[in-house]
Amino acid sequence: SKNKKRWFAGIAVAILFLPVLWLLLVRLEGQKPEIILEQASPFIGKSHDFSISIADPKSGLRKIWVAMIQNGKEVILAEQDFPSAGIFSGGEIKSKSLNIPFEPQKHKFSDGKAILRLAVWDYSWRGWWHGNQVYIEK
């Protein structure tokens, strides 16, 4: 009968549509990764270790990039890609703490102001599969 066919068609559509909807809502999440920079002093001295904690509990961490800039000169202090747990699972790593050393003399930085730049990406499908990004300067 027509009612049974409609009921069956409705169930078939729901069985196909609900997993796709769930996948899109989970993988297209818009929460940006978190960055916590633990900096005891704004002054660096002869050497300094930057303690950085990053996290993305939903999609997982994709990449971190850290650089120091002074007078147009940029030195990359850290750049790390994190592994994927699979196309449907996001990243394997949900949080990470890093200790990044910086020696101004080694990189020919002079006394004065400098900018610390940090960028972190996650495994969200947002931005045409580039993920959510957070970018800060200190």
N, C-alpha and C. Protein backbone atom coordinates (compact mmCIF):
# COMPACT_ATOMS: atom_id res chain seq x y z
N SER A 1 0.84 -1.19 0.00
CA SER A 1 0.00 0.00 0.00
C SER A 1 0.88 1.25 0.00
N LYS A 2 0.24 2.39 -0.33
CA LYS A 2 0.97 3.66 -0.43
C LYS A 2 1.56 4.09 0.90
N ASN A 3 0.84 3.90 1.98
CA ASN A 3 1.33 4.33 3.30
C ASN A 3 2.59 3.56 3.70
N LYS A 4 2.61 2.27 3.42
CA LYS A 4 3.79 1.47 3.74
C LYS A 4 4.99 1.91 2.91
N LYS A 5 4.77 2.22 1.62
CA LYS A 5 5.85 2.68 0.76
C LYS A 5 6.40 4.03 1.23
N ARG A 6 5.51 4.94 1.61
CA ARG A 6 5.95 6.25 2.11
C ARG A 6 6.71 6.09 3.42
N TRP A 7 6.19 5.25 4.28
CA TRP A 7 6.85 5.03 5.57
C TRP A 7 8.24 4.43 5.35
N PHE A 8 8.35 3.45 4.46
CA PHE A 8 9.63 2.83 4.14
C PHE A 8 10.58 3.86 3.51
N ALA A 9 10.08 4.68 2.59
CA ALA A 9 10.90 5.71 1.94
C ALA A 9 11.39 6.72 2.98
N GLY A 10 10.52 7.10 3.91
CA GLY A 10 10.91 8.03 4.98
C GLY A 10 12.01 7.46 5.86
N ILE A 11 11.90 6.20 6.20
CA ILE A 11 12.94 5.55 7.02
C ILE A 11 14.25 5.46 6.24
N ALA A 12 14.16 5.11 4.95
CA ALA A 12 15.37 5.00 4.13
C ALA A 12 16.08 6.35 4.02
N VAL A 13 15.31 7.42 3.82
CA VAL A 13 15.90 8.77 3.74
C VAL A 13 16.54 9.14 5.08
N ALA A 14 15.87 8.85 6.18
CA ALA A 14 16.42 9.15 7.51
C ALA A 14 17.71 8.37 7.76
N ILE A 15 17.72 7.10 7.36
CA ILE A 15 18.92 6.27 7.56
C ILE A 15 20.10 6.84 6.78
N LEU A 16 19.85 7.39 5.60
CA LEU A 16 20.92 7.98 4.80
C LEU A 16 21.26 9.40 5.24
N PHE A 17 20.24 10.19 5.58
CA PHE A 17 20.42 11.61 5.86
C PHE A 17 21.01 11.88 7.25
N LEU A 18 20.58 11.18 8.26
CA LEU A 18 21.03 11.46 9.63
C LEU A 18 22.54 11.26 9.82
N PRO A 19 23.15 10.19 9.33
CA PRO A 19 24.61 10.09 9.48
C PRO A 19 25.37 11.20 8.74
N VAL A 20 24.87 11.58 7.56
CA VAL A 20 25.51 12.67 6.81
C VAL A 20 25.39 13.98 7.58
N LEU A 21 24.22 14.25 8.12
CA LEU A 21 24.01 15.46 8.92
C LEU A 21 24.91 15.45 10.15
N TRP A 22 24.97 14.33 10.84
CA TRP A 22 25.82 14.22 12.03
C TRP A 22 27.29 14.46 11.66
N LEU A 23 27.74 13.83 10.57
CA LEU A 23 29.13 13.98 10.14
C LEU A 23 29.45 15.43 9.81
N LEU A 24 28.56 16.10 9.10
CA LEU A 24 28.80 17.50 8.74
C LEU A 24 28.83 18.40 9.97
N LEU A 25 27.94 18.16 10.91
CA LEU A 25 27.93 18.98 12.13
C LEU A 25 29.18 18.77 12.97
N VAL A 26 29.66 17.55 13.04
CA VAL A 26 30.84 17.24 13.84
C VAL A 26 32.11 17.70 13.13
N ARG A 27 32.26 17.40 11.86
CA ARG A 27 33.50 17.70 11.13
C ARG A 27 33.59 19.15 10.67
N LEU A 28 32.45 19.86 10.58
CA LEU A 28 32.46 21.27 10.19
C LEU A 28 32.36 22.19 11.41
N GLU A 29 32.76 21.70 12.57
CA GLU A 29 32.65 22.52 13.78
C GLU A 29 33.50 23.78 13.64
N GLY A 30 33.07 24.85 14.30
CA GLY A 30 33.72 26.15 14.14
C GLY A 30 34.54 26.63 15.32
N GLN A 31 34.77 25.79 16.30
CA GLN A 31 35.55 26.21 17.47
C GLN A 31 37.03 26.24 17.13
N LYS A 32 37.66 27.41 17.37
CA LYS A 32 39.08 27.56 17.08
C LYS A 32 39.92 26.87 18.16
N PRO A 33 41.13 26.46 17.81
CA PRO A 33 42.03 25.89 18.82
C PRO A 33 42.36 26.93 19.90
N GLU A 34 42.78 26.45 21.05
CA GLU A 34 43.14 27.33 22.16
C GLU A 34 44.66 27.39 22.28
N ILE A 35 45.18 28.60 22.59
CA ILE A 35 46.61 28.79 22.83
C ILE A 35 46.77 29.44 24.19
N ILE A 36 47.61 28.86 25.03
CA ILE A 36 47.97 29.47 26.31
C ILE A 36 49.48 29.66 26.30
N LEU A 37 49.90 30.92 26.36
CA LEU A 37 51.32 31.25 26.39
C LEU A 37 51.66 31.66 27.81
N GLU A 38 52.49 30.85 28.46
CA GLU A 38 52.89 31.14 29.83
C GLU A 38 54.21 31.89 29.77
N GLN A 39 54.12 33.19 29.98
CA GLN A 39 55.29 34.05 29.88
C GLN A 39 55.45 34.79 31.21
N ALA A 40 56.50 34.47 31.95
CA ALA A 40 56.72 35.06 33.26
C ALA A 40 57.11 36.53 33.16
N SER A 41 57.86 36.87 32.12
CA SER A 41 58.37 38.23 31.98
C SER A 41 58.30 38.66 30.52
N PRO A 42 58.05 39.95 30.27
CA PRO A 42 58.06 40.42 28.88
C PRO A 42 59.48 40.57 28.32
N PHE A 43 60.48 40.41 29.18
CA PHE A 43 61.88 40.54 28.76
C PHE A 43 62.48 39.16 28.52
N ILE A 44 63.33 39.06 27.52
CA ILE A 44 63.87 37.76 27.13
C ILE A 44 65.25 37.50 27.71
N GLY A 45 66.15 38.45 27.65
CA GLY A 45 67.51 38.23 28.14
C GLY A 45 68.34 37.45 27.13
N LYS A 46 69.38 36.77 27.62
CA LYS A 46 70.28 36.02 26.72
C LYS A 46 69.62 34.79 26.12
N SER A 47 68.72 34.19 26.88
CA SER A 47 67.95 33.05 26.37
C SER A 47 66.62 32.99 27.11
N HIS A 48 65.66 32.39 26.46
CA HIS A 48 64.32 32.32 27.05
C HIS A 48 63.61 31.09 26.49
N ASP A 49 62.88 30.42 27.34
CA ASP A 49 62.04 29.30 26.90
C ASP A 49 60.59 29.74 26.96
N PHE A 50 59.90 29.61 25.85
CA PHE A 50 58.47 29.91 25.81
C PHE A 50 57.70 28.62 26.09
N SER A 51 56.84 28.67 27.10
CA SER A 51 55.98 27.53 27.42
C SER A 51 54.62 27.78 26.78
N ILE A 52 54.26 26.91 25.86
CA ILE A 52 53.02 27.08 25.11
C ILE A 52 52.18 25.82 25.25
N SER A 53 50.91 26.01 25.60
CA SER A 53 49.96 24.90 25.64
C SER A 53 48.91 25.16 24.57
N ILE A 54 48.63 24.15 23.76
CA ILE A 54 47.62 24.27 22.71
C ILE A 54 46.64 23.12 22.85
N ALA A 55 45.39 23.37 22.46
CA ALA A 55 44.37 22.33 22.57
C ALA A 55 43.25 22.55 21.57
N ASP A 56 42.68 21.48 21.10
CA ASP A 56 41.46 21.48 20.32
C ASP A 56 40.74 20.17 20.60
N PRO A 57 39.84 20.18 21.61
CA PRO A 57 39.21 18.93 22.03
C PRO A 57 38.23 18.32 21.01
N LYS A 58 37.74 19.12 20.07
CA LYS A 58 36.76 18.60 19.12
C LYS A 58 37.42 17.96 17.90
N SER A 59 38.15 18.74 17.11
CA SER A 59 38.72 18.24 15.85
C SER A 59 40.14 17.72 15.99
N GLY A 60 40.84 18.12 17.03
CA GLY A 60 42.24 17.73 17.18
C GLY A 60 43.17 18.71 16.49
N LEU A 61 44.41 18.72 16.91
CA LEU A 61 45.40 19.68 16.41
C LEU A 61 45.99 19.22 15.08
N ARG A 62 46.09 20.15 14.14
CA ARG A 62 46.68 19.88 12.82
C ARG A 62 48.12 20.39 12.74
N LYS A 63 48.34 21.65 13.18
CA LYS A 63 49.66 22.26 12.99
C LYS A 63 49.85 23.42 13.96
N ILE A 64 51.11 23.64 14.37
CA ILE A 64 51.50 24.83 15.12
C ILE A 64 52.69 25.46 14.42
N TRP A 65 52.71 26.79 14.45
CA TRP A 65 53.79 27.57 13.86
C TRP A 65 54.10 28.72 14.81
N VAL A 66 55.38 28.87 15.17
CA VAL A 66 55.80 29.92 16.10
C VAL A 66 57.01 30.63 15.50
N ALA A 67 56.96 31.97 15.50
CA ALA A 67 58.08 32.75 14.96
C ALA A 67 58.31 34.00 15.80
N MET A 68 59.52 34.50 15.73
CA MET A 68 59.90 35.76 16.38
C MET A 68 60.28 36.74 15.26
N ILE A 69 59.77 37.97 15.35
CA ILE A 69 60.01 38.98 14.32
C ILE A 69 60.58 40.23 14.97
N GLN A 70 61.64 40.76 14.36
CA GLN A 70 62.20 42.04 14.80
C GLN A 70 62.77 42.75 13.58
N ASN A 71 62.34 44.00 13.39
CA ASN A 71 62.82 44.83 12.28
C ASN A 71 62.69 44.12 10.93
N GLY A 72 61.58 43.47 10.71
CA GLY A 72 61.33 42.80 9.44
C GLY A 72 61.99 41.44 9.28
N LYS A 73 62.80 41.04 10.25
CA LYS A 73 63.46 39.73 10.19
C LYS A 73 62.61 38.72 10.96
N GLU A 74 62.28 37.62 10.29
CA GLU A 74 61.45 36.59 10.91
C GLU A 74 62.27 35.31 11.08
N VAL A 75 62.24 34.78 12.29
CA VAL A 75 62.91 33.51 12.58
C VAL A 75 61.85 32.53 13.07
N ILE A 76 61.71 31.41 12.38
CA ILE A 76 60.75 30.39 12.80
C ILE A 76 61.37 29.58 13.93
N LEU A 77 60.71 29.61 15.09
CA LEU A 77 61.20 28.90 16.27
C LEU A 77 60.67 27.48 16.34
N ALA A 78 59.47 27.27 15.84
CA ALA A 78 58.87 25.93 15.87
C ALA A 78 57.82 25.82 14.78
N GLU A 79 57.78 24.67 14.15
CA GLU A 79 56.75 24.36 13.17
C GLU A 79 56.55 22.85 13.23
N GLN A 80 55.34 22.45 13.58
CA GLN A 80 55.09 21.02 13.76
C GLN A 80 53.71 20.65 13.24
N ASP A 81 53.67 19.59 12.43
CA ASP A 81 52.41 19.02 11.97
C ASP A 81 52.07 17.85 12.87
N PHE A 82 50.78 17.71 13.17
CA PHE A 82 50.32 16.62 14.02
C PHE A 82 49.57 15.59 13.17
N PRO A 83 49.65 14.32 13.53
CA PRO A 83 49.05 13.26 12.70
C PRO A 83 47.52 13.26 12.74
N SER A 84 46.95 12.81 11.65
CA SER A 84 45.51 12.64 11.53
C SER A 84 45.12 11.25 12.03
N ALA A 85 43.94 11.17 12.62
CA ALA A 85 43.41 9.88 13.06
C ALA A 85 42.53 9.27 11.97
N GLY A 86 42.44 9.93 10.83
CA GLY A 86 41.60 9.46 9.73
C GLY A 86 40.68 10.57 9.28
N ILE A 87 40.17 10.44 8.07
CA ILE A 87 39.36 11.50 7.49
C ILE A 87 38.11 11.82 8.31
N PHE A 88 37.54 10.84 8.97
CA PHE A 88 36.32 11.07 9.74
C PHE A 88 36.58 11.32 11.22
N SER A 89 37.81 11.14 11.66
CA SER A 89 38.11 11.22 13.10
C SER A 89 38.83 12.48 13.53
N GLY A 90 39.37 13.26 12.61
CA GLY A 90 40.12 14.46 12.99
C GLY A 90 41.56 14.12 13.36
N GLY A 91 42.11 14.88 14.30
CA GLY A 91 43.50 14.69 14.68
C GLY A 91 43.67 13.73 15.84
N GLU A 92 44.81 13.04 15.85
CA GLU A 92 45.13 12.13 16.96
C GLU A 92 45.42 12.90 18.25
N ILE A 93 46.06 14.07 18.12
CA ILE A 93 46.49 14.86 19.28
C ILE A 93 45.45 15.93 19.57
N LYS A 94 44.89 15.90 20.77
CA LYS A 94 43.88 16.88 21.18
C LYS A 94 44.49 18.03 21.97
N SER A 95 45.62 17.79 22.66
CA SER A 95 46.30 18.86 23.40
C SER A 95 47.80 18.56 23.44
N LYS A 96 48.58 19.62 23.56
CA LYS A 96 50.03 19.47 23.54
C LYS A 96 50.65 20.65 24.27
N SER A 97 51.69 20.37 25.05
CA SER A 97 52.48 21.41 25.70
C SER A 97 53.86 21.41 25.06
N LEU A 98 54.33 22.60 24.74
CA LEU A 98 55.63 22.75 24.08
C LEU A 98 56.51 23.70 24.87
N ASN A 99 57.78 23.43 24.88
CA ASN A 99 58.77 24.31 25.48
C ASN A 99 59.71 24.72 24.35
N ILE A 100 59.64 25.99 23.94
CA ILE A 100 60.38 26.45 22.77
C ILE A 100 61.49 27.40 23.20
N PRO A 101 62.75 27.00 23.01
CA PRO A 101 63.87 27.86 23.40
C PRO A 101 64.13 28.95 22.35
N PHE A 102 64.58 30.10 22.84
CA PHE A 102 64.94 31.20 21.95
C PHE A 102 66.18 31.89 22.50
N GLU A 103 67.20 32.00 21.65
CA GLU A 103 68.44 32.69 22.00
C GLU A 103 68.63 33.85 21.02
N PRO A 104 68.36 35.08 21.47
CA PRO A 104 68.43 36.24 20.57
C PRO A 104 69.77 36.40 19.86
N GLN A 105 70.88 36.19 20.56
CA GLN A 105 72.20 36.38 19.94
C GLN A 105 72.43 35.37 18.82
N LYS A 106 71.98 34.15 19.00
CA LYS A 106 72.15 33.11 17.98
C LYS A 106 71.46 33.50 16.68
N HIS A 107 70.31 34.18 16.80
CA HIS A 107 69.53 34.58 15.62
C HIS A 107 69.81 36.03 15.22
N LYS A 108 70.82 36.64 15.86
CA LYS A 108 71.23 38.02 15.56
C LYS A 108 70.11 39.03 15.80
N PHE A 109 69.40 38.85 16.91
CA PHE A 109 68.40 39.82 17.33
C PHE A 109 69.08 40.80 18.28
N SER A 110 68.77 42.08 18.13
CA SER A 110 69.35 43.10 18.99
C SER A 110 68.41 43.39 20.16
N ASP A 111 68.91 44.19 21.13
CA ASP A 111 68.04 44.62 22.22
C ASP A 111 66.90 45.44 21.63
N GLY A 112 65.75 45.35 22.24
CA GLY A 112 64.60 46.12 21.77
C GLY A 112 63.38 45.24 21.61
N LYS A 113 62.35 45.85 21.07
CA LYS A 113 61.08 45.15 20.94
C LYS A 113 61.12 44.11 19.82
N ALA A 114 60.42 43.04 20.05
CA ALA A 114 60.24 41.98 19.05
C ALA A 114 58.82 41.44 19.20
N ILE A 115 58.35 40.80 18.18
CA ILE A 115 56.99 40.25 18.18
C ILE A 115 57.06 38.73 18.11
N LEU A 116 56.33 38.08 19.01
CA LEU A 116 56.19 36.63 18.97
C LEU A 116 54.86 36.32 18.28
N ARG A 117 54.92 35.55 17.19
CA ARG A 117 53.72 35.17 16.45
C ARG A 117 53.46 33.69 16.61
N LEU A 118 52.21 33.35 16.88
CA LEU A 118 51.80 31.95 17.02
C LEU A 118 50.57 31.71 16.17
N ALA A 119 50.55 30.58 15.48
CA ALA A 119 49.38 30.17 14.71
C ALA A 119 49.16 28.68 14.93
N VAL A 120 47.90 28.31 15.12
CA VAL A 120 47.53 26.91 15.34
C VAL A 120 46.30 26.60 14.47
N TRP A 121 46.33 25.44 13.81
CA TRP A 121 45.21 24.98 12.99
C TRP A 121 44.68 23.67 13.56
N ASP A 122 43.40 23.40 13.30
CA ASP A 122 42.81 22.12 13.72
C ASP A 122 42.37 21.32 12.49
N TYR A 123 41.81 20.15 12.73
CA TYR A 123 41.39 19.24 11.65
C TYR A 123 39.92 19.39 11.26
N SER A 124 39.30 20.52 11.59
CA SER A 124 37.93 20.75 11.15
C SER A 124 37.90 20.81 9.62
N TRP A 125 36.73 20.57 9.05
CA TRP A 125 36.58 20.68 7.60
C TRP A 125 36.26 22.10 7.17
N ARG A 126 36.19 23.02 8.10
CA ARG A 126 35.91 24.42 7.76
C ARG A 126 37.01 24.98 6.88
N GLY A 127 36.68 26.04 6.14
CA GLY A 127 37.68 26.68 5.29
C GLY A 127 38.18 25.77 4.18
N TRP A 128 37.28 25.00 3.60
CA TRP A 128 37.62 24.06 2.52
C TRP A 128 38.71 23.10 2.97
N TRP A 129 38.50 22.50 4.11
CA TRP A 129 39.36 21.45 4.67
C TRP A 129 40.70 21.98 5.20
N HIS A 130 40.83 23.29 5.38
CA HIS A 130 42.04 23.86 5.97
C HIS A 130 41.93 23.96 7.48
N GLY A 131 40.72 23.86 8.02
CA GLY A 131 40.53 23.88 9.47
C GLY A 131 40.36 25.27 10.03
N ASN A 132 40.01 25.31 11.31
CA ASN A 132 39.93 26.57 12.03
C ASN A 132 41.35 26.98 12.41
N GLN A 133 41.61 28.28 12.38
CA GLN A 133 42.94 28.78 12.72
C GLN A 133 42.82 29.86 13.79
N VAL A 134 43.76 29.84 14.73
CA VAL A 134 43.88 30.93 15.68
C VAL A 134 45.29 31.50 15.51
N TYR A 135 45.38 32.83 15.55
CA TYR A 135 46.64 33.53 15.31
C TYR A 135 46.77 34.62 16.35
N ILE A 136 47.89 34.64 17.07
CA ILE A 136 48.10 35.71 18.06
C ILE A 136 49.51 36.27 17.93
N GLU A 137 49.63 37.52 18.35
CA GLU A 137 50.93 38.19 18.42
C GLU A 137 51.10 38.74 19.82
N LYS A 138 52.29 38.60 20.35
CA LYS A 138 52.61 39.15 21.68
C LYS A 138 53.87 39.96 21.56
